[in-house]
Amino acid sequence: MSTMLAGRLHLDSRTFTVEEVPLPVPGPGEVLVEVRAAGVCLSDVHLIDGSLVPTFPVDAVARARAVTLGHEVAGVVHTLGPELRGNWAPGARVVLQAGQACDRCGGCLSRSACRQPLTRGVDYDGGWAQYAVAREDTLVPIPDGLPFDQAAIIPDAVSTPYAAIVETGAVRPAQVVGIWGAGGLGAHGIRLARMVGAAPIVAVDPLPTARERALAFGADFALDPTADDFTEAVREATGGRGIEAAFDFAGVPAARAQATSVLGPGGVLVLAGLTPEPVTIADSTGFSFRGNQIRGHYGSGAEHVEQLIGLTSAGRIDLAPSITAHIPLAEAADAVSRLEKKIGDPIRFVLTP
């Protein structure tokens, strides 16, 4: 086989198609992975509509002005490239980290944090394909008992809210947590906040089905942000304390403005959802008086994916309810449309090559 199917975004025209492309060949330090499952994320929708663009595109993407989407990928090692350092073998079950260090910036050269990290399926080709090339330092082994579809969504869909909650938000037991958006990220954020002991957990979503799901996933309260008595409802739910750690998983300016308005003393807002729109603080004096903070958050670290594989394998979190549907790779455009229009109120659609 010399070609394969891949879901390609042509950057100049913002046209997405599933097309035949040459089968990639792994270079030094790389392996070719046969993809078994790939998640569909709202970030993919934003890439197609142009509200997100590659920040540090690799040479191949920059030249072709096209990229294979998909940053949530699981499969098996198929072909080994030269000069591998690890003990990899064909057939090994792996999940791919959602990005990698650039290996060129001052941070990488000094063996500190990368200053221009590359995102899979954004800056370089991702896993909406039958096969994907991966640098060996981005491979994470997965146990036989962890299904490919559940493993695939751990990078980003689960690891992003996990890192936002345990690192950026630094949530502590018995802390009041508010979660705006109970979709692909927020639904996991609710479960993870409960796992680390947050109480109460207040979920906020305009969709009744999403609020029902939030309660089923462990939220103590599920509120409609459009309700006239929303502020009073938050006050009652939190015993007058207000929200101590708020998370915007929707990437919606109105959600961010609303969250800042109900922060308690010392409360923080973590921006985990992505949007190019500005953040608005209606009462900046009150915001300062209460000692509130806004913290940006992007993605997760390699250690978070590894920790979550361990937690999932140990039964601390069950990701089976997160898989809304399996969709053939050839129908990826339909999956994107269904996610964009929230058809079926999805958590995660998973593409199967």
Protein backbone atom coordinates (compact mmCIF):
# COMPACT_ATOMS: atom_id res chain seq x y z
CA MET A 1 0.00 0.00 0.00
CA SER A 2 1.49 3.34 -1.05
CA THR A 3 -1.41 5.65 -0.16
CA MET A 4 -3.90 6.09 2.67
CA LEU A 5 -6.98 8.10 3.61
CA ALA A 6 -6.44 11.29 5.61
CA GLY A 7 -8.62 14.17 6.76
CA ARG A 8 -6.82 17.22 5.39
CA LEU A 9 -7.44 20.90 6.06
CA HIS A 10 -6.25 23.15 3.22
CA LEU A 11 -5.26 26.28 5.07
CA ASP A 12 -5.63 28.87 2.31
CA SER A 13 -9.18 27.92 1.35
CA ARG A 14 -10.23 26.53 4.76
CA THR A 15 -11.46 23.48 2.86
CA PHE A 16 -11.58 20.16 4.68
CA THR A 17 -11.62 16.91 2.72
CA VAL A 18 -10.88 13.25 3.30
CA GLU A 19 -8.49 12.35 0.51
CA GLU A 20 -5.85 9.89 -0.63
CA VAL A 21 -2.33 10.93 0.38
CA PRO A 22 1.05 9.16 0.23
CA LEU A 23 1.72 6.77 3.08
CA PRO A 24 4.21 8.55 5.36
CA VAL A 25 7.61 7.07 6.10
CA PRO A 26 9.05 7.40 9.61
CA GLY A 27 12.36 9.22 9.85
CA PRO A 28 15.10 8.97 12.48
CA GLY A 29 13.64 8.62 15.95
CA GLU A 30 10.12 8.13 14.60
CA VAL A 31 7.63 5.29 14.20
CA LEU A 32 4.64 4.79 11.95
CA VAL A 33 1.47 4.16 13.95
CA GLU A 34 -1.58 2.39 12.57
CA VAL A 35 -4.41 4.53 13.88
CA ARG A 36 -7.26 2.71 15.61
CA ALA A 37 -9.15 5.69 17.07
CA ALA A 38 -8.99 9.49 16.83
CA GLY A 39 -11.09 12.00 18.75
CA VAL A 40 -12.95 14.93 17.20
CA CYS A 41 -12.45 18.11 19.22
CA LEU A 42 -14.01 21.57 19.09
CA SER A 43 -10.49 22.84 18.36
CA ASP A 44 -10.69 20.96 15.06
CA VAL A 45 -13.89 22.85 14.27
CA HIS A 46 -12.15 26.13 15.07
CA LEU A 47 -9.22 25.22 12.84
CA ILE A 48 -11.58 24.63 9.94
CA ASP A 49 -13.52 27.85 10.50
CA GLY A 50 -10.28 29.83 10.82
CA SER A 51 -10.64 31.06 14.40
CA LEU A 52 -7.57 28.97 15.23
CA VAL A 53 -4.48 28.81 13.03
CA PRO A 54 -1.17 26.91 13.24
CA THR A 55 1.20 28.89 15.46
CA PHE A 56 4.48 27.15 14.62
CA PRO A 57 3.81 25.12 11.45
CA VAL A 58 6.58 22.73 10.48
CA ASP A 59 8.18 23.10 7.07
CA ALA A 60 6.02 20.42 5.40
CA VAL A 61 2.78 22.07 6.57
CA ALA A 62 4.02 25.54 5.64
CA ARG A 63 4.99 24.41 2.13
CA ALA A 64 1.83 22.41 1.42
CA ARG A 65 -0.46 24.90 3.17
CA ALA A 66 -2.33 21.83 4.40
CA VAL A 67 -2.34 19.69 7.54
CA THR A 68 -3.89 16.39 8.58
CA LEU A 69 -6.09 17.14 11.58
CA GLY A 70 -6.38 15.12 14.79
CA HIS A 71 -4.55 15.53 18.10
CA GLU A 72 -6.29 12.74 20.05
CA VAL A 73 -4.87 9.52 18.64
CA ALA A 74 -4.40 5.89 19.70
CA GLY A 75 -3.23 2.86 17.74
CA VAL A 76 -0.48 0.30 17.36
CA VAL A 77 3.12 0.66 16.28
CA HIS A 78 3.35 -0.48 12.65
CA THR A 79 6.80 0.40 11.29
CA LEU A 80 9.99 1.40 13.09
CA GLY A 81 12.14 4.22 11.79
CA PRO A 82 15.93 4.31 12.17
CA GLU A 83 17.91 5.46 15.21
CA LEU A 84 15.27 4.68 17.81
CA ARG A 85 16.39 4.84 21.43
CA GLY A 86 13.46 3.03 22.99
CA ASN A 87 12.59 -0.64 22.90
CA TRP A 88 9.58 -0.33 20.58
CA ALA A 89 8.15 -3.24 18.62
CA PRO A 90 5.44 -3.57 15.95
CA GLY A 91 2.08 -4.24 17.55
CA ALA A 92 2.74 -2.20 20.68
CA ARG A 93 -0.42 -0.40 21.83
CA VAL A 94 0.15 3.34 22.22
CA VAL A 95 -1.53 6.69 22.64
CA LEU A 96 0.13 9.75 21.17
CA GLN A 97 0.82 12.92 23.12
CA ALA A 98 -1.10 15.83 21.62
CA GLY A 99 2.09 17.74 20.90
CA GLN A 100 5.87 17.80 21.13
CA ALA A 101 8.75 20.13 21.90
CA CYS A 102 10.22 21.94 18.92
CA ASP A 103 13.82 20.92 19.79
CA ARG A 104 15.06 24.21 18.31
CA CYS A 105 14.21 27.09 20.65
CA GLY A 106 16.36 28.42 23.46
CA GLY A 107 14.29 26.54 26.00
CA CYS A 108 14.81 23.19 24.29
CA LEU A 109 18.53 23.85 23.73
CA SER A 110 18.95 24.65 27.43
CA ARG A 111 16.87 21.59 28.39
CA SER A 112 14.14 23.71 29.96
CA ALA A 113 10.55 24.31 28.87
CA CYS A 114 9.95 24.58 25.13
CA ARG A 115 9.04 28.13 24.13
CA GLN A 116 7.21 27.19 20.94
CA PRO A 117 5.61 23.77 21.47
CA LEU A 118 4.13 22.10 18.41
CA THR A 119 0.58 20.74 18.45
CA ARG A 120 -0.27 17.52 16.61
CA GLY A 121 -2.88 18.04 13.91
CA VAL A 122 -2.21 21.79 13.97
CA ASP A 123 1.48 22.51 13.45
CA TYR A 124 2.26 19.06 12.05
CA ASP A 125 0.21 16.19 10.65
CA GLY A 126 -2.14 14.50 13.09
CA GLY A 127 -4.10 11.31 13.35
CA TRP A 128 -7.25 11.71 11.28
CA ALA A 129 -5.69 9.16 8.97
CA GLN A 130 -5.12 5.46 8.59
CA TYR A 131 -1.51 5.91 9.66
CA ALA A 132 0.39 8.64 11.50
CA VAL A 133 4.07 9.31 12.05
CA ALA A 134 5.03 9.98 15.67
CA ARG A 135 8.29 10.92 17.30
CA GLU A 136 9.13 8.22 19.81
CA ASP A 137 9.18 10.62 22.75
CA THR A 138 5.48 11.28 22.12
CA LEU A 139 4.48 7.60 22.41
CA VAL A 140 2.83 6.45 25.63
CA PRO A 141 2.19 2.72 26.11
CA ILE A 142 -1.35 1.73 27.03
CA PRO A 143 -2.40 -1.50 28.76
CA ASP A 144 -4.37 -4.19 26.97
CA GLY A 145 -7.45 -3.49 29.08
CA LEU A 146 -7.78 0.13 27.97
CA PRO A 147 -9.85 0.37 24.76
CA PHE A 148 -8.38 2.43 21.93
CA ASP A 149 -11.32 4.85 21.80
CA GLN A 150 -11.02 5.71 25.49
CA ALA A 151 -7.24 5.98 25.31
CA ALA A 152 -7.42 8.29 22.28
CA ILE A 153 -9.41 10.98 24.05
CA ILE A 154 -7.16 11.15 27.11
CA PRO A 155 -4.78 13.66 25.46
CA ASP A 156 -6.78 16.90 25.49
CA ALA A 157 -10.41 15.87 26.20
CA VAL A 158 -9.40 14.51 29.60
CA SER A 159 -5.85 15.74 30.16
CA THR A 160 -6.64 19.41 29.48
CA PRO A 161 -9.32 19.70 32.19
CA TYR A 162 -7.20 17.49 34.47
CA ALA A 163 -4.19 19.81 34.16
CA ALA A 164 -6.43 22.88 34.45
CA ILE A 165 -7.92 21.57 37.70
CA VAL A 166 -4.90 20.08 39.46
CA GLU A 167 -2.22 22.48 38.17
CA THR A 168 -3.49 25.86 36.92
CA GLY A 169 -6.53 26.00 39.18
CA ALA A 170 -4.80 24.10 42.03
CA VAL A 171 -8.16 22.82 43.28
CA ARG A 172 -8.15 21.60 46.86
CA PRO A 173 -10.60 19.30 48.68
CA ALA A 174 -13.79 21.04 49.84
CA GLN A 175 -13.17 23.98 47.50
CA VAL A 176 -16.15 25.44 45.62
CA VAL A 177 -15.70 24.81 41.89
CA GLY A 178 -17.74 26.24 39.04
CA ILE A 179 -17.58 24.71 35.57
CA TRP A 180 -18.92 26.66 32.59
CA GLY A 181 -19.68 24.31 29.70
CA ALA A 182 -20.49 20.63 30.21
CA GLY A 183 -19.38 19.44 26.77
CA GLY A 184 -16.23 17.65 25.67
CA LEU A 185 -13.91 19.30 28.20
CA GLY A 186 -16.34 20.35 30.90
CA ALA A 187 -17.99 16.96 31.31
CA HIS A 188 -14.59 15.52 32.20
CA GLY A 189 -13.81 18.57 34.32
CA ILE A 190 -16.82 17.78 36.49
CA ARG A 191 -15.72 14.20 37.05
CA LEU A 192 -12.11 15.18 37.72
CA ALA A 193 -13.09 17.96 40.13
CA ARG A 194 -15.14 15.43 42.05
CA MET A 195 -12.23 12.98 42.01
CA VAL A 196 -9.94 15.52 43.70
CA GLY A 197 -12.56 16.35 46.33
CA ALA A 198 -14.08 19.66 45.21
CA ALA A 199 -17.39 20.46 46.94
CA PRO A 200 -19.78 21.73 45.93
CA ILE A 201 -19.38 21.52 42.16
CA VAL A 202 -21.58 23.96 40.25
CA ALA A 203 -22.01 23.19 36.54
CA VAL A 204 -23.30 25.90 34.20
CA ASP A 205 -24.68 25.17 30.74
CA PRO A 206 -27.62 26.53 28.72
CA LEU A 207 -28.58 23.08 27.35
CA PRO A 208 -30.98 21.08 29.55
CA THR A 209 -29.47 17.78 28.36
CA ALA A 210 -25.98 19.02 29.24
CA ARG A 211 -27.18 20.00 32.72
CA GLU A 212 -28.71 16.55 33.19
CA ARG A 213 -25.42 14.98 32.15
CA ALA A 214 -23.51 17.25 34.51
CA LEU A 215 -25.53 15.95 37.44
CA ALA A 216 -25.05 12.37 36.30
CA PHE A 217 -21.29 12.98 36.07
CA GLY A 218 -21.07 14.27 39.63
CA ALA A 219 -22.03 17.96 39.73
CA ASP A 220 -23.91 18.98 42.89
CA PHE A 221 -25.80 21.72 41.07
CA ALA A 222 -26.48 22.37 37.37
CA LEU A 223 -27.57 25.90 36.57
CA ASP A 224 -28.91 27.65 33.49
CA PRO A 225 -26.73 30.72 32.78
CA THR A 226 -29.65 32.50 31.12
CA ALA A 227 -31.92 32.27 34.18
CA ASP A 228 -32.92 35.60 35.74
CA ASP A 229 -32.04 34.31 39.22
CA PHE A 230 -28.64 32.88 38.23
CA THR A 231 -26.57 34.97 40.66
CA GLU A 232 -28.88 34.16 43.55
CA ALA A 233 -28.79 30.47 42.60
CA VAL A 234 -24.98 30.51 42.80
CA ARG A 235 -25.15 32.23 46.17
CA GLU A 236 -27.51 29.59 47.51
CA ALA A 237 -25.54 26.69 46.03
CA THR A 238 -22.29 27.91 47.57
CA GLY A 239 -23.68 28.97 50.94
CA GLY A 240 -22.77 32.57 50.14
CA ARG A 241 -19.10 31.78 49.51
CA GLY A 242 -19.18 32.34 45.77
CA ILE A 243 -17.10 30.33 43.32
CA GLU A 244 -13.53 29.77 44.51
CA ALA A 245 -12.21 28.17 41.30
CA ALA A 246 -14.12 28.80 38.07
CA PHE A 247 -13.28 27.08 34.81
CA ASP A 248 -14.36 28.22 31.36
CA PHE A 249 -14.31 25.05 29.27
CA ALA A 250 -16.58 26.53 26.60
CA GLY A 251 -14.39 29.32 25.28
CA VAL A 252 -17.36 31.71 25.33
CA PRO A 253 -16.85 35.39 26.27
CA ALA A 254 -20.26 35.61 27.99
CA ALA A 255 -19.38 32.61 30.17
CA ARG A 256 -16.13 34.25 31.23
CA ALA A 257 -17.84 37.52 32.11
CA GLN A 258 -20.49 35.68 34.10
CA ALA A 259 -17.91 33.58 35.93
CA THR A 260 -15.93 36.62 37.07
CA SER A 261 -19.13 38.17 38.43
CA VAL A 262 -19.75 35.30 40.86
CA LEU A 263 -16.19 34.68 42.09
CA GLY A 264 -15.81 34.68 45.84
CA PRO A 265 -12.95 36.35 47.76
CA GLY A 266 -9.65 35.11 46.38
CA GLY A 267 -11.46 33.22 43.61
CA VAL A 268 -9.74 32.46 40.32
CA LEU A 269 -11.02 32.03 36.78
CA VAL A 270 -9.12 29.56 34.61
CA LEU A 271 -9.44 30.04 30.84
CA ALA A 272 -9.25 26.50 29.49
CA GLY A 273 -11.59 26.89 26.51
CA LEU A 274 -10.09 28.68 23.53
CA THR A 275 -11.43 31.82 21.85
CA PRO A 276 -9.77 34.84 20.25
CA GLU A 277 -12.35 37.12 21.87
CA PRO A 278 -11.36 39.47 24.75
CA VAL A 279 -12.07 38.88 28.43
CA THR A 280 -14.43 41.42 29.96
CA ILE A 281 -14.61 42.25 33.68
CA ALA A 282 -17.74 44.29 34.38
CA ASP A 283 -16.73 45.36 37.91
CA SER A 284 -12.94 45.64 37.88
CA THR A 285 -12.92 47.48 41.21
CA GLY A 286 -14.79 44.64 42.90
CA PHE A 287 -12.56 42.14 41.11
CA SER A 288 -9.47 43.80 42.58
CA PHE A 289 -11.04 44.27 46.04
CA ARG A 290 -11.83 40.54 46.23
CA GLY A 291 -8.29 39.63 45.17
CA ASN A 292 -9.55 37.67 42.17
CA GLN A 293 -7.32 36.32 39.40
CA ILE A 294 -7.61 35.19 35.79
CA ARG A 295 -5.23 32.44 34.69
CA GLY A 296 -4.63 31.25 31.16
CA HIS A 297 -4.40 27.54 30.47
CA TYR A 298 -3.45 25.56 27.39
CA GLY A 299 -3.41 21.78 27.00
CA SER A 300 -1.49 19.54 29.36
CA GLY A 301 1.92 18.05 30.00
CA ALA A 302 3.22 14.61 29.12
CA GLU A 303 3.01 13.59 32.78
CA HIS A 304 -0.72 14.34 32.90
CA VAL A 305 -1.48 11.85 30.11
CA GLU A 306 0.62 9.21 31.82
CA GLN A 307 -1.11 9.86 35.16
CA LEU A 308 -4.56 9.62 33.57
CA ILE A 309 -3.73 6.32 31.85
CA GLY A 310 -2.84 5.00 35.30
CA LEU A 311 -5.97 6.45 36.91
CA THR A 312 -8.21 5.08 34.15
CA SER A 313 -6.57 1.65 34.33
CA ALA A 314 -7.02 1.66 38.11
CA GLY A 315 -10.74 2.35 37.73
CA ARG A 316 -10.67 5.84 39.23
CA ILE A 317 -12.40 7.24 36.16
CA ASP A 318 -14.52 5.42 33.57
CA LEU A 319 -14.28 7.01 30.13
CA ALA A 320 -16.76 4.71 28.39
CA PRO A 321 -19.68 7.17 28.88
CA SER A 322 -17.59 9.85 27.13
CA ILE A 323 -17.71 8.13 23.74
CA THR A 324 -20.81 9.54 22.05
CA ALA A 325 -20.42 7.66 18.76
CA HIS A 326 -17.90 5.96 16.47
CA ILE A 327 -17.75 7.47 12.98
CA PRO A 328 -15.77 6.13 9.99
CA LEU A 329 -12.81 8.27 8.97
CA ALA A 330 -14.36 8.70 5.52
CA GLU A 331 -17.26 10.54 7.22
CA ALA A 332 -15.06 12.92 9.23
CA ALA A 333 -16.72 15.99 7.72
CA ASP A 334 -20.06 14.79 9.05
CA ALA A 335 -18.53 14.34 12.51
CA VAL A 336 -17.25 17.92 12.40
CA SER A 337 -20.68 19.21 11.38
CA ARG A 338 -22.44 17.23 14.11
CA LEU A 339 -20.04 18.56 16.74
CA GLU A 340 -20.31 22.15 15.52
CA LYS A 341 -24.11 21.99 15.62
CA LYS A 342 -24.10 19.96 18.88
CA ILE A 343 -26.25 17.29 17.26
CA GLY A 344 -26.81 14.60 19.87
CA ASP A 345 -25.21 16.82 22.56
CA PRO A 346 -21.86 15.04 22.09
CA ILE A 347 -19.00 14.62 24.51
CA ARG A 348 -16.61 12.99 22.04
CA PHE A 349 -17.06 11.57 18.56
CA VAL A 350 -14.33 9.08 17.71
CA LEU A 351 -13.15 8.44 14.15
CA THR A 352 -12.28 4.86 13.23
CA PRO A 353 -10.11 4.39 10.12
